[in-house]
């Protein structure tokens, strides 16, 4: 059973996960005060797309252990974010 779990983590970590950034950004924008919703939403989507592009180009350079740690964190409730995933992976790399 442990081997199966390990294989699943590796399979998930082989590529950048897919997040619904429109949903995430809508929820984040709704929680933001003082900004026009359209501005906040556009800014969020732009940031998420840039982070996803960066993740895609650097994915193979991140250690499997970092991916196995960071991907589940983004999947736990709340709103998954490429910006947050990228930050988690970078912090894991810097701490090594």
C-alpha atoms as a PDB file:
ATOM      1  CA  UNK A   1       0.000   0.000   0.000  1.00  0.00           C
ATOM      2  CA  UNK A   2       2.852   2.400   0.709  1.00  0.00           C
ATOM      3  CA  UNK A   3       4.385   1.715  -2.700  1.00  0.00           C
ATOM      4  CA  UNK A   4       1.070   2.544  -4.369  1.00  0.00           C
ATOM      5  CA  UNK A   5       0.868   5.842  -2.514  1.00  0.00           C
ATOM      6  CA  UNK A   6       4.406   6.694  -3.567  1.00  0.00           C
ATOM      7  CA  UNK A   7       3.607   5.903  -7.183  1.00  0.00           C
ATOM      8  CA  UNK A   8       0.555   8.142  -7.068  1.00  0.00           C
ATOM      9  CA  UNK A   9       2.594  11.052  -5.741  1.00  0.00           C
ATOM     10  CA  UNK A  10       5.170  10.622  -8.490  1.00  0.00           C
ATOM     11  CA  UNK A  11       2.469  10.424 -11.151  1.00  0.00           C
ATOM     12  CA  UNK A  12       0.848  13.618  -9.902  1.00  0.00           C
ATOM     13  CA  UNK A  13       4.207  15.377  -9.672  1.00  0.00           C
ATOM     14  CA  UNK A  14       5.177  14.569 -13.276  1.00  0.00           C
ATOM     15  CA  UNK A  15       3.416  17.687 -14.556  1.00  0.00           C
ATOM     16  CA  UNK A  16       2.111  20.997 -13.295  1.00  0.00           C
ATOM     17  CA  UNK A  17      -1.321  20.433 -11.740  1.00  0.00           C
ATOM     18  CA  UNK A  18      -4.374  22.095 -13.235  1.00  0.00           C
ATOM     19  CA  UNK A  19      -6.152  24.641 -11.047  1.00  0.00           C
ATOM     20  CA  UNK A  20      -9.350  26.582 -11.754  1.00  0.00           C
ATOM     21  CA  UNK A  21      -7.794  30.035 -11.484  1.00  0.00           C
ATOM     22  CA  UNK A  22     -11.010  31.819 -12.430  1.00  0.00           C
ATOM     23  CA  UNK A  23     -12.756  30.303  -9.417  1.00  0.00           C
ATOM     24  CA  UNK A  24      -9.780  30.971  -7.160  1.00  0.00           C
ATOM     25  CA  UNK A  25      -9.448  34.560  -8.334  1.00  0.00           C
ATOM     26  CA  UNK A  26     -13.182  35.225  -7.950  1.00  0.00           C
ATOM     27  CA  UNK A  27     -13.057  34.029  -4.357  1.00  0.00           C
ATOM     28  CA  UNK A  28      -9.909  36.043  -3.670  1.00  0.00           C
ATOM     29  CA  UNK A  29     -11.323  39.146  -5.360  1.00  0.00           C
ATOM     30  CA  UNK A  30     -14.524  38.890  -3.344  1.00  0.00           C
ATOM     31  CA  UNK A  31     -12.436  38.917  -0.165  1.00  0.00           C
ATOM     32  CA  UNK A  32     -10.423  41.951  -1.282  1.00  0.00           C
ATOM     33  CA  UNK A  33     -11.621  45.309  -0.069  1.00  0.00           C
ATOM     34  CA  UNK A  34     -10.901  48.670  -1.630  1.00  0.00           C
ATOM     35  CA  UNK A  35     -10.315  47.426  -5.176  1.00  0.00           C
ATOM     36  CA  UNK A  36     -12.733  47.333  -8.043  1.00  0.00           C
ATOM     37  CA  UNK A  37     -13.638  43.674  -8.601  1.00  0.00           C
ATOM     38  CA  UNK A  38     -12.604  43.753 -12.286  1.00  0.00           C
ATOM     39  CA  UNK A  39      -9.157  45.173 -11.440  1.00  0.00           C
ATOM     40  CA  UNK A  40      -8.557  42.654  -8.705  1.00  0.00           C
ATOM     41  CA  UNK A  41      -9.765  39.756 -10.858  1.00  0.00           C
ATOM     42  CA  UNK A  42      -7.633  40.756 -13.861  1.00  0.00           C
ATOM     43  CA  UNK A  43      -4.570  41.223 -11.696  1.00  0.00           C
ATOM     44  CA  UNK A  44      -5.086  37.850 -10.030  1.00  0.00           C
ATOM     45  CA  UNK A  45      -5.575  35.990 -13.319  1.00  0.00           C
ATOM     46  CA  UNK A  46      -2.480  37.678 -14.801  1.00  0.00           C
ATOM     47  CA  UNK A  47      -0.381  36.711 -11.762  1.00  0.00           C
ATOM     48  CA  UNK A  48      -1.668  33.129 -11.823  1.00  0.00           C
ATOM     49  CA  UNK A  49      -0.960  32.748 -15.558  1.00  0.00           C
ATOM     50  CA  UNK A  50       2.587  34.100 -15.133  1.00  0.00           C
ATOM     51  CA  UNK A  51       3.222  31.734 -12.226  1.00  0.00           C
ATOM     52  CA  UNK A  52       1.871  28.775 -14.239  1.00  0.00           C
ATOM     53  CA  UNK A  53       4.175  29.636 -17.146  1.00  0.00           C
ATOM     54  CA  UNK A  54       7.127  29.829 -14.768  1.00  0.00           C
ATOM     55  CA  UNK A  55       6.161  26.515 -13.155  1.00  0.00           C
ATOM     56  CA  UNK A  56       5.862  24.876 -16.575  1.00  0.00           C
ATOM     57  CA  UNK A  57       9.303  26.049 -17.657  1.00  0.00           C
ATOM     58  CA  UNK A  58      10.995  25.108 -14.356  1.00  0.00           C
ATOM     59  CA  UNK A  59       8.962  22.021 -13.381  1.00  0.00           C
ATOM     60  CA  UNK A  60      11.705  19.469 -14.054  1.00  0.00           C
ATOM     61  CA  UNK A  61      14.167  21.415 -11.882  1.00  0.00           C
ATOM     62  CA  UNK A  62      12.055  21.134  -8.720  1.00  0.00           C
ATOM     63  CA  UNK A  63      12.810  18.081  -6.558  1.00  0.00           C
ATOM     64  CA  UNK A  64      10.175  15.343  -6.425  1.00  0.00           C
ATOM     65  CA  UNK A  65      10.044  15.636  -2.625  1.00  0.00           C
ATOM     66  CA  UNK A  66       9.162  19.320  -2.909  1.00  0.00           C
ATOM     67  CA  UNK A  67       6.406  18.568  -5.393  1.00  0.00           C
ATOM     68  CA  UNK A  68       5.089  15.770  -3.175  1.00  0.00           C
ATOM     69  CA  UNK A  69       4.960  18.233  -0.279  1.00  0.00           C
ATOM     70  CA  UNK A  70       3.608  21.340  -2.038  1.00  0.00           C
ATOM     71  CA  UNK A  71       0.961  19.903  -4.388  1.00  0.00           C
ATOM     72  CA  UNK A  72      -1.191  18.393  -1.612  1.00  0.00           C
ATOM     73  CA  UNK A  73      -0.973  21.656   0.347  1.00  0.00           C
ATOM     74  CA  UNK A  74      -2.578  23.461  -2.579  1.00  0.00           C
ATOM     75  CA  UNK A  75      -5.288  20.837  -2.847  1.00  0.00           C
ATOM     76  CA  UNK A  76      -6.456  21.133   0.762  1.00  0.00           C
ATOM     77  CA  UNK A  77      -9.619  23.231   0.841  1.00  0.00           C
ATOM     78  CA  UNK A  78      -9.456  26.905   0.039  1.00  0.00           C
ATOM     79  CA  UNK A  79      -8.405  28.116  -3.355  1.00  0.00           C
ATOM     80  CA  UNK A  80      -5.425  26.486  -5.066  1.00  0.00           C
ATOM     81  CA  UNK A  81      -2.962  28.931  -6.554  1.00  0.00           C
ATOM     82  CA  UNK A  82      -0.054  28.642  -8.972  1.00  0.00           C
ATOM     83  CA  UNK A  83       1.562  31.628  -7.231  1.00  0.00           C
ATOM     84  CA  UNK A  84       1.368  29.817  -3.902  1.00  0.00           C
ATOM     85  CA  UNK A  85       2.594  26.529  -5.408  1.00  0.00           C
ATOM     86  CA  UNK A  86       5.555  28.279  -7.039  1.00  0.00           C
ATOM     87  CA  UNK A  87       6.404  30.004  -3.748  1.00  0.00           C
ATOM     88  CA  UNK A  88       6.248  26.703  -1.856  1.00  0.00           C
ATOM     89  CA  UNK A  89       8.518  24.970  -4.368  1.00  0.00           C
ATOM     90  CA  UNK A  90      11.001  27.861  -4.417  1.00  0.00           C
ATOM     91  CA  UNK A  91      11.150  27.993  -0.625  1.00  0.00           C
ATOM     92  CA  UNK A  92      11.822  24.257  -0.544  1.00  0.00           C
ATOM     93  CA  UNK A  93      14.659  24.720  -3.012  1.00  0.00           C
ATOM     94  CA  UNK A  94      16.154  27.642  -1.080  1.00  0.00           C
ATOM     95  CA  UNK A  95      16.079  25.767   2.214  1.00  0.00           C
ATOM     96  CA  UNK A  96      18.187  22.910   0.831  1.00  0.00           C
END
